[in-house]
Amino acid sequence: MKARHASAIASVVAWEALDSRGRPTVACRVQLGGGAVGRAIVPSGASTGAHEAVERRDGGERYDGWGVRSAISALTGELGPAVAGLDATDRALVDARLEEVDGTPDLARTGANAVLAVSLASGLAGAQALGRPLWHVLAAAEPGGAATGRTLLPMPMANIFSGGAHAAGAVDIQDVLAVPVGAESFAHALEIVARVRAATAAVLQRRGLSPALVADEGGLSAPMSDNEAAVGVVCEGIEAAGLRSGVDAAVAVDLAASQFGTAEGRYHLRCEDRELDRADWLARLAGWCERYPIVSLEDVLHEDDWSGWAEAVKVLPDHCQLLGDDLFATHVERVREGIDRRSANAVLVKPNQAGTLTRAEHVVREAQRAGLGTVVSARSGDTEDTWLADLAVGWRAGQIKVGSTMRSERTAKWNRLLELEHDLGRKAALAGPEVFGRSTSVSEVRT
């Protein structure tokens, strides 16, 4: 009884904090009977999908409507009292209670931002009560336990060039990222992507474009003649950094096609002043995969174009991972539908799309059981919290996206992973190119 009391939730407090875009978000602190404390500040996306759990915002003039005082009132008035006395080490129990109190599938009544804040803070407090880091608690809950094999550090995707909703539409596609496929360690991986970013900035400067414009996630941005040029400039940056394209560093592209496409298969490219149908758009992407060392394409089509996604799997080359973000929205039922339809081979996992740690973990497990890749991801409006790094390691996700190699809300996650690699030493290993699933030979990609 004494141990149970020590891990029981004793108090839940919340306040309005700021995310990396200067917008309000929900912060929460949970304290347990034995003194353990968990604190979390939830992130928020810019290019949000239609099927995500729903944040609660205040509206009105304050912060242009982005305030979260109503979500905080719901947290302190309903969610907090509802979990008081529950064992914080039982994450499923706490999260089930939060869902029960909200009572809506998308957590819109109290707000997914409020629900996630309590879920995360209580999970962190529970880990502290157990005397273990969050990643280790999550790994121990995995079938086989934490002692199974070496701890897997995720392959990073680092944002180099941005457009879309992350950079005021400099190009239509959202992000072009560097993937250090030749890295020997996580520290080496970050060194590679940092070199690519610096070299790409120099490439832009030589073209007379300012590298000073930094997008939401720390990537570079500048007006481009067309969308392919954004991919090309990052590839030029890889070679300018003295790296072997497709061997030391490859490319991932987040297209975020729901932002400029329709479920009926029409894609309006504003920066090129043209419209393509689904077949022409997929043919264009296939051409990119032939010309550039692309190992991952994210959200290649509209989030509700299920038949189109099944076609994309057939049209796009096997060496390229097809990653669903808006398509799956970290929702287990949509992941199951994607598995049934063979619509993609990897799932992006964003905890705030799901609304609780347990929901997000269910998505990871469902995807992994089906042989799909998993990529844990931050949001464009993120915070200095580091729990995302622990999720990627504890869930053995294999891949992680947190943004670029600068801006403190981004480097906080990278630094946490560097810390874990240092502490674990030979007990940890960096995930290799095999995590991309459709092919294990990255070096064969044409450059």
Protein backbone atom coordinates (compact mmCIF):
# COMPACT_ATOMS: atom_id res chain seq x y z
CA MET A 1 0.00 0.00 0.00
CA LYS A 2 2.83 2.38 0.82
CA ALA A 3 4.42 2.00 -2.65
CA ARG A 4 1.06 2.49 -4.32
CA HIS A 5 0.41 5.66 -2.32
CA ALA A 6 3.86 6.97 -3.27
CA SER A 7 3.01 6.72 -6.97
CA ALA A 8 -0.56 8.04 -6.61
CA ILE A 9 -1.34 11.36 -8.29
CA ALA A 10 -1.59 13.95 -5.53
CA SER A 11 -1.85 17.23 -7.45
CA VAL A 12 -2.28 18.47 -11.02
CA VAL A 13 -1.62 22.10 -11.93
CA ALA A 14 -1.55 23.82 -15.31
CA TRP A 15 -0.69 27.15 -16.86
CA GLU A 16 -0.43 28.84 -20.23
CA ALA A 17 3.06 28.63 -21.77
CA LEU A 18 4.47 29.59 -25.19
CA ASP A 19 5.54 27.28 -28.00
CA SER A 20 8.38 27.96 -30.44
CA ARG A 21 6.16 30.14 -32.67
CA GLY A 22 5.19 32.34 -29.73
CA ARG A 23 1.67 30.88 -29.53
CA PRO A 24 0.11 29.79 -26.24
CA THR A 25 0.10 26.13 -25.34
CA VAL A 26 -0.77 24.04 -22.30
CA ALA A 27 1.80 23.30 -19.60
CA CYS A 28 1.10 20.86 -16.80
CA ARG A 29 2.81 19.60 -13.64
CA VAL A 30 1.79 16.42 -11.86
CA GLN A 31 3.07 15.60 -8.37
CA LEU A 32 2.77 12.20 -6.76
CA GLY A 33 2.27 11.24 -3.14
CA GLY A 34 5.90 10.22 -2.76
CA GLY A 35 7.18 13.53 -4.14
CA ALA A 36 7.93 12.54 -7.74
CA VAL A 37 7.10 15.27 -10.26
CA GLY A 38 6.42 15.27 -13.99
CA ARG A 39 6.18 18.41 -16.12
CA ALA A 40 5.18 18.68 -19.77
CA ILE A 41 4.47 21.43 -22.28
CA VAL A 42 2.54 20.20 -25.31
CA PRO A 43 3.45 21.02 -28.92
CA SER A 44 1.15 22.17 -31.71
CA GLY A 45 1.27 21.74 -35.48
CA ALA A 46 0.91 24.20 -38.35
CA SER A 47 -0.09 21.85 -41.16
CA THR A 48 -2.65 19.93 -39.14
CA GLY A 49 -4.54 17.04 -40.69
CA ALA A 50 -8.32 16.72 -40.68
CA HIS A 51 -8.22 13.52 -38.62
CA GLU A 52 -6.08 14.69 -35.69
CA ALA A 53 -7.29 14.91 -32.12
CA VAL A 54 -8.66 18.44 -31.66
CA GLU A 55 -6.99 21.17 -29.64
CA ARG A 56 -9.10 23.54 -27.59
CA ARG A 57 -8.45 27.23 -28.32
CA ASP A 58 -10.13 30.31 -26.87
CA GLY A 59 -10.84 32.34 -29.98
CA GLY A 60 -11.37 36.07 -29.64
CA GLU A 61 -8.77 38.83 -29.84
CA ARG A 62 -6.27 37.61 -27.27
CA TYR A 63 -3.24 36.04 -29.03
CA ASP A 64 -5.30 36.25 -32.23
CA GLY A 65 -7.55 33.52 -30.89
CA TRP A 66 -4.77 31.04 -30.04
CA GLY A 67 -5.14 31.30 -26.26
CA VAL A 68 -5.63 28.11 -24.24
CA ARG A 69 -7.17 29.37 -21.00
CA SER A 70 -10.33 27.37 -21.65
CA ALA A 71 -8.26 24.19 -22.10
CA ILE A 72 -6.46 24.92 -18.86
CA SER A 73 -9.78 25.44 -17.08
CA ALA A 74 -10.94 22.05 -18.36
CA LEU A 75 -7.67 20.50 -17.20
CA THR A 76 -7.75 21.90 -13.67
CA GLY A 77 -11.53 21.66 -13.28
CA GLU A 78 -12.18 18.20 -14.76
CA LEU A 79 -9.19 16.22 -15.93
CA GLY A 80 -6.95 16.79 -12.92
CA PRO A 81 -9.57 15.89 -10.29
CA ALA A 82 -10.55 12.82 -12.32
CA VAL A 83 -7.06 11.29 -12.16
CA ALA A 84 -6.32 12.26 -8.57
CA GLY A 85 -5.41 9.17 -6.58
CA LEU A 86 -4.66 7.03 -9.63
CA ASP A 87 -1.34 5.20 -9.89
CA ALA A 88 0.81 7.26 -12.27
CA THR A 89 2.94 4.21 -13.09
CA ASP A 90 -0.13 2.70 -14.77
CA ARG A 91 -0.20 4.87 -17.92
CA ALA A 92 -3.05 2.95 -19.52
CA LEU A 93 -5.25 3.46 -16.46
CA VAL A 94 -4.59 7.20 -16.31
CA ASP A 95 -5.11 7.71 -20.03
CA ALA A 96 -8.32 5.66 -20.07
CA ARG A 97 -9.69 7.85 -17.30
CA LEU A 98 -8.78 11.01 -19.24
CA GLU A 99 -10.57 9.70 -22.34
CA GLU A 100 -13.60 8.74 -20.26
CA VAL A 101 -13.89 12.21 -18.74
CA ASP A 102 -13.59 13.95 -22.10
CA GLY A 103 -16.12 11.61 -23.67
CA THR A 104 -15.47 12.47 -27.33
CA PRO A 105 -13.48 10.38 -29.85
CA ASP A 106 -11.26 13.29 -30.87
CA LEU A 107 -10.93 14.76 -27.34
CA ALA A 108 -12.45 18.01 -28.56
CA ARG A 109 -14.61 18.73 -25.50
CA THR A 110 -11.84 19.31 -22.96
CA GLY A 111 -9.20 19.65 -25.68
CA ALA A 112 -6.55 17.20 -26.86
CA ASN A 113 -3.93 19.73 -25.77
CA ALA A 114 -5.25 19.57 -22.20
CA VAL A 115 -5.57 15.77 -22.22
CA LEU A 116 -2.07 15.23 -23.61
CA ALA A 117 -0.54 17.59 -21.04
CA VAL A 118 -1.90 15.46 -18.18
CA SER A 119 -1.02 12.20 -19.95
CA LEU A 120 2.59 13.24 -20.51
CA ALA A 121 3.15 14.85 -17.12
CA SER A 122 1.72 11.86 -15.25
CA GLY A 123 3.79 9.46 -17.38
CA LEU A 124 6.95 11.39 -16.58
CA ALA A 125 6.06 11.51 -12.89
CA GLY A 126 5.41 7.78 -12.89
CA ALA A 127 8.82 7.12 -14.44
CA GLN A 128 10.48 9.29 -11.81
CA ALA A 129 8.63 7.39 -9.08
CA LEU A 130 10.10 4.17 -10.47
CA GLY A 131 13.56 5.72 -10.45
CA ARG A 132 14.02 5.19 -14.19
CA PRO A 133 14.10 7.45 -17.27
CA LEU A 134 10.97 7.46 -19.40
CA TRP A 135 12.61 5.60 -22.30
CA HIS A 136 13.53 2.70 -20.02
CA VAL A 137 10.01 2.45 -18.59
CA LEU A 138 8.58 2.35 -22.11
CA ALA A 139 11.11 -0.24 -23.25
CA ALA A 140 10.39 -2.42 -20.23
CA ALA A 141 6.70 -2.45 -21.19
CA GLU A 142 7.58 -3.78 -24.66
CA PRO A 143 7.16 -7.54 -25.19
CA GLY A 144 10.48 -9.10 -24.20
CA GLY A 145 11.38 -6.24 -21.87
CA ALA A 146 14.15 -3.66 -21.85
CA ALA A 147 16.89 -6.31 -21.79
CA THR A 148 16.12 -7.51 -25.33
CA GLY A 149 19.11 -6.65 -27.52
CA ARG A 150 20.88 -3.28 -27.66
CA THR A 151 18.98 -0.06 -27.16
CA LEU A 152 18.07 1.33 -30.58
CA LEU A 153 18.80 5.00 -31.19
CA PRO A 154 16.68 6.44 -34.03
CA MET A 155 17.99 7.44 -37.43
CA PRO A 156 17.49 11.24 -37.55
CA MET A 157 15.82 13.17 -40.35
CA ALA A 158 17.02 16.78 -40.09
CA ASN A 159 15.17 19.65 -41.73
CA ILE A 160 17.40 21.53 -44.20
CA PHE A 161 15.00 23.47 -46.47
CA SER A 162 11.37 24.39 -45.81
CA GLY A 163 8.34 25.61 -47.71
CA GLY A 164 4.60 25.14 -47.37
CA ALA A 165 3.00 25.97 -44.03
CA HIS A 166 6.42 26.04 -42.34
CA ALA A 167 7.82 28.88 -44.46
CA ALA A 168 5.02 31.02 -45.83
CA GLY A 169 4.81 28.99 -49.03
CA ALA A 170 8.30 29.63 -50.43
CA VAL A 171 7.66 26.40 -52.32
CA ASP A 172 4.59 24.16 -52.16
CA ILE A 173 6.26 21.13 -50.59
CA GLN A 174 6.86 21.40 -46.88
CA ASP A 175 10.35 20.12 -46.02
CA VAL A 176 13.46 18.65 -47.57
CA LEU A 177 15.49 16.79 -44.97
CA ALA A 178 18.95 15.24 -44.76
CA VAL A 179 19.19 11.63 -43.60
CA PRO A 180 22.70 10.53 -42.45
CA VAL A 181 22.47 6.98 -43.79
CA GLY A 182 26.23 6.44 -43.56
CA ALA A 183 26.57 7.46 -39.92
CA GLU A 184 28.35 5.16 -37.49
CA SER A 185 26.82 6.66 -34.34
CA PHE A 186 24.18 9.18 -33.36
CA ALA A 187 26.85 11.80 -32.70
CA HIS A 188 28.27 11.16 -36.16
CA ALA A 189 24.77 11.41 -37.62
CA LEU A 190 24.25 14.88 -36.20
CA GLU A 191 27.66 15.97 -37.41
CA ILE A 192 26.71 14.91 -40.95
CA VAL A 193 23.37 16.75 -41.04
CA ALA A 194 24.89 19.87 -39.46
CA ARG A 195 27.48 19.90 -42.27
CA VAL A 196 24.71 19.56 -44.85
CA ARG A 197 22.76 22.48 -43.40
CA ALA A 198 25.81 24.75 -43.27
CA ALA A 199 26.83 23.82 -46.82
CA THR A 200 23.29 24.33 -48.14
CA ALA A 201 23.21 27.80 -46.56
CA ALA A 202 26.45 28.56 -48.40
CA VAL A 203 24.95 27.30 -51.67
CA LEU A 204 21.99 29.65 -51.26
CA GLN A 205 24.30 32.54 -50.50
CA ARG A 206 26.37 31.90 -53.63
CA ARG A 207 23.12 32.07 -55.60
CA GLY A 208 22.41 35.49 -54.13
CA LEU A 209 19.71 34.19 -51.78
CA SER A 210 19.79 35.03 -48.09
CA PRO A 211 20.31 32.06 -45.72
CA ALA A 212 19.07 34.22 -42.84
CA LEU A 213 15.41 33.28 -43.35
CA VAL A 214 14.72 30.45 -40.89
CA ALA A 215 11.47 28.50 -41.04
CA ASP A 216 9.33 27.21 -38.16
CA GLU A 217 11.47 24.12 -37.58
CA GLY A 218 14.86 25.77 -38.08
CA GLY A 219 15.25 24.93 -41.77
CA LEU A 220 16.45 27.32 -44.45
CA SER A 221 14.01 28.88 -46.88
CA ALA A 222 14.13 31.01 -50.00
CA PRO A 223 12.01 31.48 -53.12
CA MET A 224 12.67 28.71 -55.65
CA SER A 225 11.80 28.47 -59.35
CA ASP A 226 9.91 25.24 -58.72
CA ASN A 227 9.49 22.50 -56.12
CA GLU A 228 12.18 20.24 -57.53
CA ALA A 229 14.70 23.03 -57.06
CA ALA A 230 14.24 22.74 -53.30
CA VAL A 231 15.27 19.09 -53.46
CA GLY A 232 18.15 19.94 -55.76
CA VAL A 233 19.60 22.61 -53.50
CA VAL A 234 19.80 20.21 -50.56
CA CYS A 235 21.47 17.57 -52.73
CA GLU A 236 23.94 20.23 -53.87
CA GLY A 237 24.52 21.01 -50.20
CA ILE A 238 25.36 17.35 -49.49
CA GLU A 239 28.05 17.36 -52.16
CA ALA A 240 29.30 20.82 -51.15
CA ALA A 241 29.79 19.44 -47.64
CA GLY A 242 32.22 16.87 -49.06
CA LEU A 243 29.80 14.00 -48.47
CA ARG A 244 28.86 11.16 -50.81
CA SER A 245 25.29 11.61 -51.99
CA GLY A 246 23.22 8.55 -51.16
CA VAL A 247 26.07 6.93 -49.24
CA ASP A 248 26.93 9.33 -46.41
CA ALA A 249 23.73 11.37 -46.60
CA ALA A 250 20.44 10.86 -48.42
CA VAL A 251 17.26 12.93 -48.65
CA ALA A 252 13.74 12.71 -47.25
CA VAL A 253 10.93 14.91 -48.56
CA ASP A 254 7.81 15.89 -46.62
CA LEU A 255 5.39 16.86 -49.37
CA ALA A 256 2.38 17.59 -47.12
CA ALA A 257 0.23 17.14 -50.23
CA SER A 258 -3.05 17.72 -48.38
CA GLN A 259 -2.03 21.37 -48.20
CA PHE A 260 -2.18 21.81 -51.98
CA GLY A 261 -4.14 18.79 -53.22
CA THR A 262 -7.65 17.36 -53.14
CA ALA A 263 -9.07 13.93 -52.33
CA GLU A 264 -10.11 13.72 -55.99
CA GLY A 265 -6.48 13.84 -57.11
CA ARG A 266 -5.82 17.41 -58.26
CA TYR A 267 -2.59 19.12 -57.12
CA HIS A 268 -2.23 22.88 -57.50
CA LEU A 269 1.40 23.97 -57.39
CA ARG A 270 1.24 27.67 -56.63
CA CYS A 271 4.94 28.40 -56.94
CA GLU A 272 4.88 26.91 -60.46
CA ASP A 273 1.39 28.16 -61.41
CA ARG A 274 0.28 24.75 -62.63
CA GLU A 275 -2.10 21.97 -61.73
CA LEU A 276 -1.41 18.26 -62.08
CA ASP A 277 -3.64 15.25 -61.81
CA ARG A 278 -2.70 12.35 -59.56
CA ALA A 279 -0.95 10.34 -62.28
CA ASP A 280 1.19 13.28 -63.41
CA TRP A 281 2.02 14.20 -59.79
CA LEU A 282 3.14 10.64 -58.97
CA ALA A 283 5.14 10.48 -62.21
CA ARG A 284 6.90 13.67 -61.17
CA LEU A 285 7.77 12.18 -57.78
CA ALA A 286 9.03 9.00 -59.44
CA GLY A 287 11.31 11.18 -61.55
CA TRP A 288 12.69 12.87 -58.45
CA CYS A 289 13.46 9.46 -56.97
CA GLU A 290 15.45 8.60 -60.10
CA ARG A 291 17.44 11.85 -60.07
CA TYR A 292 18.06 12.33 -56.35
CA PRO A 293 19.03 10.07 -53.42
CA ILE A 294 15.55 10.12 -51.86
CA VAL A 295 14.92 7.43 -49.25
CA SER A 296 11.60 8.67 -47.85
CA LEU A 297 8.55 10.52 -49.20
CA GLU A 298 5.99 11.73 -46.69
CA ASP A 299 2.33 12.51 -47.40
CA VAL A 300 2.70 12.10 -51.15
CA LEU A 301 -1.06 12.44 -51.71
CA HIS A 302 -4.11 13.94 -50.03
CA GLU A 303 -4.99 12.44 -46.66
CA ASP A 304 -8.33 11.01 -47.88
CA ASP A 305 -7.16 9.65 -51.23
CA TRP A 306 -6.87 6.03 -50.09
CA SER A 307 -7.01 4.54 -53.59
CA GLY A 308 -4.35 6.98 -54.74
CA TRP A 309 -2.02 5.90 -51.94
CA ALA A 310 -2.40 2.27 -52.99
CA GLU A 311 -1.45 3.35 -56.50
CA ALA A 312 1.56 5.29 -55.18
CA VAL A 313 2.94 2.13 -53.62
CA LYS A 314 2.98 0.57 -57.10
CA VAL A 315 4.28 3.61 -58.99
CA LEU A 316 7.05 4.87 -56.71
CA PRO A 317 10.33 2.93 -56.53
CA ASP A 318 11.01 0.28 -53.91
CA HIS A 319 14.04 2.08 -52.50
CA CYS A 320 11.81 4.90 -51.24
CA GLN A 321 9.88 4.71 -47.97
CA LEU A 322 6.27 5.93 -48.24
CA LEU A 323 5.46 7.67 -44.98
CA GLY A 324 1.95 8.59 -43.86
CA ASP A 325 1.41 11.59 -41.58
CA ASP A 326 -1.95 13.27 -42.31
CA LEU A 327 -2.99 9.97 -43.88
CA PHE A 328 -2.79 8.16 -40.52
CA ALA A 329 -2.98 11.09 -38.04
CA THR A 330 -1.53 8.81 -35.30
CA HIS A 331 -4.92 7.10 -35.18
CA VAL A 332 -4.89 3.34 -34.77
CA GLU A 333 -8.02 2.72 -36.86
CA ARG A 334 -6.61 4.69 -39.79
CA VAL A 335 -3.35 2.75 -39.48
CA ARG A 336 -5.31 -0.50 -39.62
CA GLU A 337 -7.14 0.71 -42.71
CA GLY A 338 -3.83 1.63 -44.30
CA ILE A 339 -2.48 -1.82 -43.55
CA ASP A 340 -5.55 -3.47 -45.10
CA ARG A 341 -5.32 -1.26 -48.21
CA ARG A 342 -1.51 -1.53 -48.47
CA SER A 343 -1.42 2.25 -48.67
CA ALA A 344 2.01 3.05 -47.19
CA ASN A 345 4.87 1.31 -45.47
CA ALA A 346 5.65 3.72 -42.64
CA VAL A 347 3.73 5.74 -40.05
CA LEU A 348 4.59 9.14 -38.63
CA VAL A 349 3.82 9.27 -34.90
CA LYS A 350 2.92 12.62 -33.34
CA PRO A 351 1.63 12.30 -29.75
CA ASN A 352 -0.50 15.42 -30.00
CA GLN A 353 -2.33 13.97 -33.02
CA ALA A 354 -3.35 11.07 -30.78
CA GLY A 355 -4.01 12.99 -27.56
CA THR A 356 -2.52 10.50 -25.06
CA LEU A 357 0.68 8.54 -24.66
CA THR A 358 -1.27 5.29 -24.69
CA ARG A 359 -3.02 6.07 -27.98
CA ALA A 360 0.29 6.98 -29.62
CA GLU A 361 1.92 3.81 -28.29
CA HIS A 362 -0.93 1.69 -29.70
CA VAL A 363 -0.22 3.18 -33.13
CA VAL A 364 3.48 2.33 -32.84
CA ARG A 365 2.78 -1.27 -31.81
CA GLU A 366 0.13 -1.76 -34.51
CA ALA A 367 2.49 -0.49 -37.19
CA GLN A 368 5.44 -2.52 -35.96
CA ARG A 369 3.42 -5.74 -35.80
CA ALA A 370 2.48 -5.22 -39.46
CA GLY A 371 6.08 -4.56 -40.46
CA LEU A 372 5.61 -0.84 -41.09
CA GLY A 373 8.31 1.66 -40.23
CA THR A 374 7.70 4.15 -37.42
CA VAL A 375 8.95 7.73 -37.27
CA VAL A 376 8.45 9.71 -34.06
CA SER A 377 7.96 13.39 -34.88
CA ALA A 378 7.94 16.81 -33.25
CA ARG A 379 5.63 19.63 -34.42
CA SER A 380 6.31 23.01 -36.00
CA GLY A 381 5.19 24.71 -32.80
CA ASP A 382 7.25 22.76 -30.30
CA THR A 383 8.80 23.30 -26.88
CA GLU A 384 12.08 22.78 -25.04
CA ASP A 385 10.81 19.48 -23.59
CA THR A 386 12.87 16.36 -24.40
CA TRP A 387 10.37 13.54 -23.76
CA LEU A 388 9.97 12.96 -27.52
CA ALA A 389 13.51 11.60 -27.67
CA ASP A 390 12.68 9.14 -24.90
CA LEU A 391 9.58 7.99 -26.78
CA ALA A 392 11.59 7.26 -29.93
CA VAL A 393 14.14 5.21 -27.97
CA GLY A 394 11.70 3.45 -25.63
CA TRP A 395 9.41 2.44 -28.51
CA ARG A 396 12.36 1.40 -30.73
CA ALA A 397 10.84 3.58 -33.42
CA GLY A 398 13.92 3.51 -35.62
CA GLN A 399 13.48 7.04 -37.00
CA ILE A 400 12.91 10.53 -35.58
CA LYS A 401 12.08 13.97 -37.01
CA VAL A 402 12.45 16.99 -34.75
CA GLY A 403 13.44 19.76 -37.17
CA SER A 404 16.80 21.26 -38.03
CA THR A 405 20.10 21.41 -36.15
CA MET A 406 19.38 24.80 -34.67
CA ARG A 407 16.69 26.46 -32.52
CA SER A 408 16.69 25.31 -28.94
CA GLU A 409 13.36 23.46 -29.07
CA ARG A 410 14.98 21.29 -31.77
CA THR A 411 18.45 20.89 -30.30
CA ALA A 412 16.95 19.94 -26.92
CA LYS A 413 15.75 16.66 -28.45
CA TRP A 414 19.00 16.04 -30.31
CA ASN A 415 20.95 16.75 -27.13
CA ARG A 416 18.84 14.27 -25.16
CA LEU A 417 19.67 11.57 -27.70
CA LEU A 418 23.36 12.48 -27.52
CA GLU A 419 23.14 12.14 -23.74
CA LEU A 420 21.53 8.70 -24.02
CA GLU A 421 24.20 7.54 -26.47
CA HIS A 422 26.92 8.75 -24.12
CA ASP A 423 25.37 7.06 -21.07
CA LEU A 424 24.56 3.77 -22.78
CA GLY A 425 27.86 3.41 -24.61
CA ARG A 426 28.11 0.03 -26.32
CA LYS A 427 24.67 -0.91 -25.06
CA ALA A 428 23.19 1.38 -27.75
CA ALA A 429 23.24 1.19 -31.54
CA LEU A 430 22.12 3.65 -34.21
CA ALA A 431 19.37 2.39 -36.51
CA GLY A 432 20.66 1.82 -40.03
CA PRO A 433 19.22 2.35 -43.54
CA GLU A 434 17.21 -0.85 -43.21
CA VAL A 435 14.60 1.12 -41.23
CA PHE A 436 13.31 2.52 -44.53
CA GLY A 437 11.81 -0.87 -45.23
CA ARG A 438 11.35 -1.01 -49.01
CA SER A 439 15.06 -1.52 -49.70
CA THR A 440 18.23 -1.98 -47.66
CA SER A 441 20.58 -0.63 -50.32
CA VAL A 442 20.64 3.16 -50.14
CA SER A 443 23.91 3.45 -52.05
CA GLU A 444 22.22 2.12 -55.18
CA VAL A 445 19.96 5.17 -55.38
CA ARG A 446 20.81 7.22 -58.47
CA THR A 447 22.39 10.59 -57.91
